[in-house]
Amino acid sequence: MSILHFCHKANNINYTTMNIKLKADSRFQKYNFKKNFGQAFSIPDEFKFDSVFPNVVQQPGNVQCVPITICDTASDQDNIIYDYNDLWNRIPQFSSGSSPQDGLGETIRNGLLKMGSSEPRTKNWKSYWSTGNFQETISAMWLAQSSGCIWTNWYDNYPANGILGIGKNPTGAHMYEIKGVKIIDGEKMFIIEAWVGYDLYMGKEAFEKETKKWGCGTAMLSTFQVDARREKTILEAIIDAYKNIIIILQLLINQQKVMPIPDPTPIAVPVETDRERLYNLAWSLKGKYLTLNPTVSKNLNCAQCVSFILNKAGYKIPKGGISGTYTMYEFLMKSYTQVSKNEFSKGDIIISVTGMGIKGSRGHVGIYDGVSRILSNDSNTGLLKDNWTLTGWIGSYQTTQKMPTFYFRVT
């Protein structure tokens, strides 16, 4: 099957035929693999995941839509720019293109290379899963906090006014990215990045019609952390918890019928540390807009976001919160204990300070999960998210923008 490649000339679109190789994936068809990604709750009507990955426009003769799509999707998860040429050179390729499953499988097995880096490839992905129908795909994206991959036929009436509607005459196939949801004229639409230089859109009817066709499909790259979240839906977890409580109570009742009740013996219960309590509170607020001063712009809200969490946890914070990383740094120096990177642990605060790096650099502040990810304000949405990894943070703020990294512990 062939991919349409777009090149621009004034307001007209010229088409050049290019190909990818499509093949069936047993993960979606047999062996009892779960088909759908999972279910999220309290999903906003509109959202968009768009990372630092460059806006690639495929030029005539370029058939690399598979590695471009995968690398952009991975970048949306951790804000690291990945080298799609490196991935392209590691998968079976043809003059007509490559298979989406080959690209996704290679990413999971051997990882992705950071653009311009000599370090080992990042292996942050455990699996990939079909995202299901239109609403299930929206849920999967919000649950993973990431864009998703899609591959479908391409038609001679694409794009029409920027909308990928019901196709007429197929001219090929294409792998591209779903990076968000937008309401247009009252209809919920996917925001599509198809490597043409601007956003396209696809509604429910076209999405469900095209993804059900032979050789077409969707996939969500799943990290170890995301896989852990999608193992059970929230409802399943609640139901299982109640079932386990009932089983335990039944066992206790049966034991008391045949056994004497022993003298009570003190049982050691793990004590939650202050910083663990702080992180667990922050995690419970994930996906929410947090501020003590609504006049602060959402894209400059990181210090306000941490101020809100500290205030809710019972720590003293200046009235109206703290609105800048330099003021937050001074507050942390006076109020909490600075620790080294080697001591940095769950619930500790990480901060890079505006003004301490190269000219024009802008700092950030967040709370560490003790493993690899950091909860902080998302500048694009103003919501608390775990977009950053510790490695990505240091690479961006310390290495690229030349800002020192400071670590603090609540006491």
Protein backbone atom coordinates (compact mmCIF):
# COMPACT_ATOMS: atom_id res chain seq x y z
CA MET A 1 0.00 0.00 0.00
CA SER A 2 1.20 3.50 -0.65
CA ILE A 3 1.54 6.63 1.46
CA LEU A 4 0.61 10.02 0.13
CA HIS A 5 3.40 12.49 0.58
CA PHE A 6 2.47 16.16 0.72
CA CYS A 7 4.48 19.05 -0.62
CA HIS A 8 3.15 22.59 -0.65
CA LYS A 9 2.89 25.07 -3.46
CA ALA A 10 0.93 28.24 -2.68
CA ASN A 11 -2.55 27.08 -1.59
CA ASN A 12 -2.43 23.90 -3.66
CA ILE A 13 -1.30 20.45 -2.52
CA ASN A 14 0.77 18.26 -4.84
CA TYR A 15 0.75 14.52 -4.19
CA THR A 16 3.63 12.09 -4.59
CA THR A 17 2.92 8.39 -4.02
CA MET A 18 4.98 6.64 -1.33
CA ASN A 19 4.48 3.36 0.56
CA ILE A 20 4.57 1.53 3.87
CA LYS A 21 4.27 -2.20 4.28
CA LEU A 22 1.22 -3.15 6.32
CA LYS A 23 0.89 -6.53 8.01
CA ALA A 24 -1.42 -8.18 10.52
CA ASP A 25 -0.44 -8.11 14.20
CA SER A 26 -1.37 -11.22 16.21
CA ARG A 27 -1.43 -9.09 19.37
CA PHE A 28 -4.71 -7.63 18.17
CA GLN A 29 -6.23 -10.84 16.76
CA LYS A 30 -5.41 -13.97 18.77
CA TYR A 31 -3.55 -15.47 21.74
CA ASN A 32 -6.02 -13.73 24.09
CA PHE A 33 -4.07 -10.48 24.36
CA LYS A 34 -6.08 -7.61 25.81
CA LYS A 35 -7.25 -5.54 22.88
CA ASN A 36 -7.94 -2.17 24.43
CA PHE A 37 -5.63 0.15 26.29
CA GLY A 38 -7.73 1.00 29.34
CA GLN A 39 -10.24 3.51 30.64
CA ALA A 40 -9.68 6.92 32.19
CA PHE A 41 -12.22 9.06 34.05
CA SER A 42 -12.85 12.83 34.21
CA ILE A 43 -11.46 13.49 30.73
CA PRO A 44 -11.53 17.15 29.56
CA ASP A 45 -13.41 17.98 26.35
CA GLU A 46 -10.24 19.31 24.70
CA PHE A 47 -6.56 18.51 25.22
CA LYS A 48 -3.37 18.33 23.20
CA PHE A 49 -0.02 16.56 23.69
CA ASP A 50 2.70 18.18 21.63
CA SER A 51 6.33 17.93 22.74
CA VAL A 52 9.62 19.50 21.75
CA PHE A 53 9.84 17.16 18.74
CA PRO A 54 10.37 19.26 15.57
CA ASN A 55 7.47 19.75 13.15
CA VAL A 56 8.74 17.45 10.38
CA VAL A 57 7.41 17.94 6.85
CA GLN A 58 8.08 14.90 4.66
CA GLN A 59 9.81 15.89 1.46
CA PRO A 60 9.37 14.08 -1.91
CA GLY A 61 11.01 10.66 -1.75
CA ASN A 62 10.91 10.46 2.06
CA VAL A 63 9.09 7.28 3.17
CA GLN A 64 9.92 7.48 6.89
CA CYS A 65 6.44 8.16 8.30
CA VAL A 66 6.69 5.09 10.60
CA PRO A 67 9.83 6.14 12.56
CA ILE A 68 8.80 9.82 12.50
CA THR A 69 5.40 8.99 14.05
CA ILE A 70 6.88 6.68 16.69
CA CYS A 71 9.63 9.12 17.71
CA ASP A 72 7.22 12.06 17.94
CA THR A 73 4.82 10.00 20.08
CA ALA A 74 7.67 8.93 22.38
CA SER A 75 8.82 12.56 22.66
CA ASP A 76 5.31 13.57 23.75
CA GLN A 77 5.71 11.20 26.72
CA ASP A 78 9.06 12.42 28.07
CA ASN A 79 9.98 15.66 26.21
CA ILE A 80 13.14 14.13 24.69
CA ILE A 81 13.85 14.52 20.96
CA TYR A 82 14.54 11.11 19.41
CA ASP A 83 16.44 10.33 16.21
CA TYR A 84 13.97 8.86 13.71
CA ASN A 85 16.76 8.20 11.18
CA ASP A 86 18.39 5.87 13.73
CA LEU A 87 15.12 3.95 14.16
CA TRP A 88 14.62 3.86 10.37
CA ASN A 89 18.03 2.24 9.90
CA ARG A 90 17.19 -0.53 12.42
CA ILE A 91 13.90 -1.79 10.94
CA PRO A 92 13.20 -3.69 7.70
CA GLN A 93 12.80 -1.05 5.03
CA PHE A 94 11.76 -0.99 1.44
CA SER A 95 11.81 1.57 -1.33
CA SER A 96 8.13 1.93 -0.49
CA GLY A 97 8.47 2.31 3.29
CA SER A 98 8.26 0.07 6.39
CA SER A 99 5.82 -1.73 8.68
CA PRO A 100 4.30 0.06 11.73
CA GLN A 101 4.62 -3.16 13.77
CA ASP A 102 8.33 -3.48 12.91
CA GLY A 103 8.95 0.09 14.10
CA LEU A 104 6.94 -0.32 17.32
CA GLY A 105 8.53 -3.71 18.09
CA GLU A 106 12.07 -2.39 17.59
CA THR A 107 11.30 0.56 19.88
CA ILE A 108 10.22 -1.78 22.67
CA ARG A 109 13.11 -4.24 22.22
CA ASN A 110 16.02 -1.86 21.75
CA GLY A 111 14.78 1.65 22.56
CA LEU A 112 15.25 5.03 20.87
CA LEU A 113 18.35 7.19 20.47
CA LYS A 114 18.32 10.78 21.72
CA MET A 115 18.98 13.18 18.88
CA GLY A 116 22.69 14.04 18.71
CA SER A 117 23.58 11.80 21.67
CA SER A 118 26.27 9.14 22.01
CA GLU A 119 24.60 7.68 25.12
CA PRO A 120 22.91 4.23 25.04
CA ARG A 121 19.41 4.22 23.60
CA THR A 122 16.54 4.95 25.99
CA LYS A 123 14.52 1.79 26.74
CA ASN A 124 11.49 3.25 28.44
CA TRP A 125 8.75 1.24 26.68
CA LYS A 126 7.30 -2.09 27.72
CA SER A 127 4.53 -2.71 25.20
CA TYR A 128 2.12 -1.25 22.68
CA TRP A 129 -1.62 -1.77 22.59
CA SER A 130 -4.57 -1.11 20.32
CA THR A 131 -6.53 1.87 21.63
CA GLY A 132 -10.00 0.68 20.52
CA ASN A 133 -12.84 2.83 19.21
CA PHE A 134 -13.06 6.63 19.13
CA GLN A 135 -14.00 7.16 22.80
CA GLU A 136 -11.64 4.40 24.00
CA THR A 137 -8.79 6.09 22.10
CA ILE A 138 -9.54 9.41 23.82
CA SER A 139 -9.52 7.57 27.15
CA ALA A 140 -6.24 5.79 26.32
CA MET A 141 -4.50 9.07 25.42
CA TRP A 142 -5.63 10.75 28.64
CA LEU A 143 -4.69 7.72 30.75
CA ALA A 144 -1.20 7.58 29.17
CA GLN A 145 -0.90 11.40 28.99
CA SER A 146 0.45 10.92 25.48
CA SER A 147 -0.37 11.15 21.80
CA GLY A 148 -1.09 7.93 19.88
CA CYS A 149 -0.19 6.27 16.57
CA ILE A 150 -2.60 5.49 13.73
CA TRP A 151 -2.15 3.92 10.30
CA THR A 152 -4.89 3.92 7.66
CA ASN A 153 -5.55 4.11 3.95
CA TRP A 154 -5.08 7.52 2.37
CA TYR A 155 -7.47 8.96 -0.20
CA ASP A 156 -7.49 11.39 -3.09
CA ASN A 157 -9.92 13.64 -1.20
CA TYR A 158 -7.50 14.04 1.78
CA PRO A 159 -7.27 16.63 3.19
CA ALA A 160 -10.45 18.55 2.44
CA ASN A 161 -10.51 21.83 4.37
CA GLY A 162 -8.16 20.24 6.89
CA ILE A 163 -10.70 17.49 7.76
CA LEU A 164 -9.91 13.81 7.12
CA GLY A 165 -13.45 12.66 6.40
CA ILE A 166 -14.88 9.57 4.73
CA GLY A 167 -12.36 8.47 2.09
CA LYS A 168 -13.36 7.99 -1.54
CA ASN A 169 -10.62 6.62 -3.78
CA PRO A 170 -7.68 5.07 -1.86
CA THR A 171 -4.28 6.09 -3.20
CA GLY A 172 -2.10 4.52 -0.51
CA ALA A 173 -1.57 4.23 3.22
CA HIS A 174 0.03 6.41 5.87
CA MET A 175 1.17 6.22 9.51
CA TYR A 176 0.55 9.42 11.44
CA GLU A 177 -0.13 10.78 14.93
CA ILE A 178 -3.22 11.61 16.99
CA LYS A 179 -2.00 14.34 19.34
CA GLY A 180 -5.16 15.60 20.95
CA VAL A 181 -8.89 16.34 20.87
CA LYS A 182 -10.63 19.53 19.74
CA ILE A 183 -14.29 20.48 19.41
CA ILE A 184 -15.04 21.94 15.96
CA ASP A 185 -18.58 23.16 15.20
CA GLY A 186 -19.85 21.15 18.16
CA GLU A 187 -18.22 17.90 17.01
CA LYS A 188 -15.36 16.25 18.90
CA MET A 189 -12.41 15.69 16.54
CA PHE A 190 -8.93 14.21 16.80
CA ILE A 191 -6.04 16.61 16.15
CA ILE A 192 -3.90 14.89 13.50
CA GLU A 193 -0.17 15.37 12.77
CA ALA A 194 0.37 13.83 9.32
CA TRP A 195 3.75 15.50 8.55
CA VAL A 196 2.28 18.02 6.12
CA GLY A 197 3.27 21.17 8.03
CA TYR A 198 -0.03 21.94 9.74
CA ASP A 199 -2.72 20.26 11.88
CA LEU A 200 -5.47 18.15 10.32
CA TYR A 201 -8.62 16.82 12.02
CA MET A 202 -10.60 13.55 12.01
CA GLY A 203 -14.05 12.89 13.46
CA LYS A 204 -15.54 9.78 15.04
CA GLU A 205 -17.26 8.40 11.92
CA ALA A 206 -14.14 8.55 9.73
CA PHE A 207 -11.87 7.22 12.50
CA GLU A 208 -13.99 4.17 13.27
CA LYS A 209 -14.63 3.41 9.59
CA GLU A 210 -10.96 3.60 8.58
CA THR A 211 -9.35 1.83 11.56
CA LYS A 212 -11.63 -1.22 11.09
CA LYS A 213 -10.33 -1.86 7.57
CA TRP A 214 -7.81 -4.62 6.90
CA GLY A 215 -4.20 -3.64 7.62
CA CYS A 216 -5.21 -0.47 9.47
CA GLY A 217 -5.02 0.17 13.20
CA THR A 218 -3.93 2.23 16.18
CA ALA A 219 -1.30 1.84 18.89
CA MET A 220 -0.34 3.45 22.18
CA LEU A 221 3.30 3.15 23.22
CA SER A 222 3.22 2.12 26.86
CA THR A 223 6.00 2.78 29.37
CA PHE A 224 6.53 0.61 32.44
CA GLN A 225 4.77 3.28 34.53
CA VAL A 226 1.81 3.53 32.15
CA ASP A 227 1.47 -0.26 31.92
CA ALA A 228 1.19 -0.37 35.69
CA ARG A 229 -1.61 2.21 35.56
CA ARG A 230 -3.52 0.44 32.78
CA GLU A 231 -3.42 -3.03 34.31
CA LYS A 232 -6.80 -2.34 35.91
CA THR A 233 -9.36 0.37 35.44
CA ILE A 234 -10.22 2.43 38.50
CA LEU A 235 -13.60 0.67 38.75
CA GLU A 236 -11.95 -2.77 38.53
CA ALA A 237 -9.50 -1.85 41.27
CA ILE A 238 -12.32 -0.67 43.57
CA ILE A 239 -14.39 -3.82 42.94
CA ASP A 240 -11.36 -6.06 43.57
CA ALA A 241 -10.57 -4.19 46.79
CA TYR A 242 -14.11 -4.76 48.10
CA LYS A 243 -13.97 -8.44 47.12
CA ASN A 244 -10.69 -8.89 49.01
CA ILE A 245 -12.13 -7.19 52.12
CA ILE A 246 -15.11 -9.57 52.06
CA ILE A 247 -12.82 -12.60 51.69
CA ILE A 248 -10.65 -11.48 54.62
CA LEU A 249 -13.70 -10.87 56.83
CA GLN A 250 -15.08 -14.31 55.98
CA LEU A 251 -11.74 -15.94 56.86
CA LEU A 252 -11.60 -14.07 60.18
CA ILE A 253 -15.18 -15.10 61.07
CA ASN A 254 -14.45 -18.76 60.24
CA GLN A 255 -11.22 -18.72 62.27
CA GLN A 256 -12.96 -17.28 65.33
CA LYS A 257 -15.51 -20.11 65.21
CA VAL A 258 -12.84 -22.79 65.72
CA MET A 259 -9.92 -20.98 67.34
CA PRO A 260 -9.52 -19.00 70.55
CA ILE A 261 -8.90 -15.31 70.06
CA PRO A 262 -5.21 -14.68 70.86
CA ASP A 263 -3.98 -11.88 73.07
CA PRO A 264 -3.48 -8.73 71.02
CA THR A 265 0.11 -8.31 69.90
CA PRO A 266 1.43 -4.99 68.62
CA ILE A 267 1.95 -5.06 64.84
CA ALA A 268 4.56 -2.85 63.26
CA VAL A 269 2.90 -0.57 60.70
CA PRO A 270 5.11 1.23 58.17
CA VAL A 271 5.11 4.95 58.88
CA GLU A 272 4.69 7.26 55.90
CA THR A 273 7.48 9.83 55.84
CA ASP A 274 6.73 13.52 55.33
CA ARG A 275 8.12 13.49 51.81
CA GLU A 276 6.21 10.29 50.89
CA ARG A 277 3.03 11.92 52.18
CA LEU A 278 3.81 14.99 50.08
CA TYR A 279 4.31 12.96 46.89
CA ASN A 280 1.20 10.81 47.48
CA LEU A 281 -0.85 13.97 47.96
CA ALA A 282 0.61 15.44 44.75
CA TRP A 283 -0.18 12.25 42.84
CA SER A 284 -3.82 12.42 44.02
CA LEU A 285 -4.02 15.91 42.44
CA LYS A 286 -2.53 14.84 39.08
CA GLY A 287 -4.42 16.26 36.10
CA LYS A 288 -5.74 19.28 38.01
CA TYR A 289 -4.98 23.01 37.69
CA LEU A 290 -3.32 24.04 40.97
CA THR A 291 -2.58 27.63 42.01
CA LEU A 292 -2.89 30.00 44.95
CA ASN A 293 -2.88 32.99 42.60
CA PRO A 294 -5.14 32.63 39.53
CA THR A 295 -3.68 35.80 37.96
CA VAL A 296 -0.43 33.93 37.21
CA SER A 297 -0.32 32.65 33.61
CA LYS A 298 -0.77 28.88 33.31
CA ASN A 299 2.48 28.53 31.33
CA LEU A 300 4.38 30.22 34.20
CA ASN A 301 2.53 28.40 36.97
CA CYS A 302 5.12 25.81 38.11
CA ALA A 303 6.07 27.56 41.39
CA GLN A 304 2.38 28.25 42.12
CA CYS A 305 1.58 24.58 41.48
CA VAL A 306 4.17 23.41 44.05
CA SER A 307 3.01 26.18 46.44
CA PHE A 308 -0.53 24.79 46.28
CA ILE A 309 0.64 21.24 47.05
CA LEU A 310 2.82 22.35 49.98
CA ASN A 311 -0.01 24.48 51.35
CA LYS A 312 -2.52 21.61 51.08
CA ALA A 313 -0.02 19.30 52.82
CA GLY A 314 0.03 21.72 55.78
CA TYR A 315 3.35 23.49 55.20
CA LYS A 316 3.58 27.25 55.69
CA ILE A 317 3.56 29.12 52.39
CA PRO A 318 3.42 32.90 51.82
CA LYS A 319 -0.14 34.14 51.30
CA GLY A 320 -1.02 33.91 47.60
CA GLY A 321 1.75 31.36 46.99
CA ILE A 322 5.11 31.79 45.26
CA SER A 323 5.07 32.79 41.59
CA GLY A 324 8.68 32.44 40.39
CA THR A 325 11.43 29.85 40.52
CA TYR A 326 13.99 32.28 42.02
CA THR A 327 11.62 33.21 44.88
CA MET A 328 10.77 29.52 45.32
CA TYR A 329 14.51 28.69 45.47
CA GLU A 330 15.06 31.31 48.22
CA PHE A 331 12.05 29.93 50.13
CA LEU A 332 13.31 26.35 49.88
CA MET A 333 16.81 27.39 51.03
CA LYS A 334 15.33 28.99 54.17
CA SER A 335 12.62 26.45 54.93
CA TYR A 336 13.85 22.98 53.94
CA THR A 337 16.96 20.80 53.72
CA GLN A 338 19.07 20.79 50.57
CA VAL A 339 20.21 17.27 49.57
CA SER A 340 22.59 15.89 46.95
CA LYS A 341 21.52 14.11 43.76
CA ASN A 342 22.58 10.79 45.33
CA GLU A 343 20.24 11.44 48.29
CA PHE A 344 17.36 12.62 46.06
CA SER A 345 14.30 10.45 46.83
CA LYS A 346 10.50 10.15 46.64
CA GLY A 347 8.72 13.36 47.63
CA ASP A 348 11.82 15.55 47.32
CA ILE A 349 11.58 18.80 45.36
CA ILE A 350 13.70 19.49 42.26
CA ILE A 351 14.23 23.03 40.98
CA SER A 352 16.13 24.76 38.17
CA VAL A 353 16.13 28.54 38.60
CA THR A 354 15.34 31.16 35.99
CA GLY A 355 18.27 33.55 35.59
CA MET A 356 20.96 31.06 36.60
CA GLY A 357 21.45 29.64 33.10
CA ILE A 358 22.08 30.99 29.63
CA LYS A 359 20.32 34.16 28.55
CA GLY A 360 16.61 33.58 27.96
CA SER A 361 16.50 30.24 29.80
CA ARG A 362 13.46 29.57 31.96
CA GLY A 363 13.51 27.38 35.07
CA HIS A 364 11.05 24.85 36.47
CA VAL A 365 10.15 23.13 39.76
CA GLY A 366 8.51 19.78 40.55
CA ILE A 367 8.20 16.81 42.92
CA TYR A 368 10.09 13.52 42.32
CA ASP A 369 8.50 10.03 42.45
CA GLY A 370 11.72 8.34 43.67
CA VAL A 371 12.08 6.24 40.49
CA SER A 372 12.35 8.31 37.34
CA ARG A 373 9.47 10.78 36.86
CA ILE A 374 8.68 14.26 38.13
CA LEU A 375 5.25 15.80 38.82
CA SER A 376 5.11 19.45 37.73
CA ASN A 377 2.96 22.08 36.05
CA ASP A 378 2.49 21.47 32.30
CA SER A 379 3.16 24.79 30.58
CA ASN A 380 0.86 23.90 27.66
CA THR A 381 -2.24 23.05 29.73
CA GLY A 382 -1.60 24.42 33.23
CA LEU A 383 -2.33 20.97 34.67
CA LEU A 384 -0.21 18.90 37.08
CA LYS A 385 1.41 16.10 35.06
CA ASP A 386 4.36 13.71 35.17
CA ASN A 387 5.73 14.70 31.76
CA TRP A 388 9.36 14.94 32.89
CA THR A 389 11.85 12.17 33.62
CA LEU A 390 14.82 12.98 35.85
CA THR A 391 17.20 12.28 32.95
CA GLY A 392 15.20 14.52 30.62
CA TRP A 393 15.07 17.32 33.21
CA ILE A 394 18.84 17.31 33.74
CA GLY A 395 19.47 17.08 30.00
CA SER A 396 17.24 20.05 29.22
CA TYR A 397 17.77 22.43 32.14
CA GLN A 398 21.29 21.56 33.35
CA THR A 399 23.07 20.43 30.17
CA THR A 400 21.34 22.47 27.47
CA GLN A 401 20.28 25.62 29.37
CA LYS A 402 23.28 25.55 31.80
CA MET A 403 21.18 25.92 34.96
CA PRO A 404 22.36 24.15 38.12
CA THR A 405 19.91 21.59 39.54
CA PHE A 406 18.95 21.85 43.23
CA TYR A 407 17.24 19.18 45.36
CA PHE A 408 15.32 19.87 48.61
CA ARG A 409 13.61 17.71 51.23
CA VAL A 410 10.61 18.75 53.34
CA THR A 411 11.27 18.54 57.08
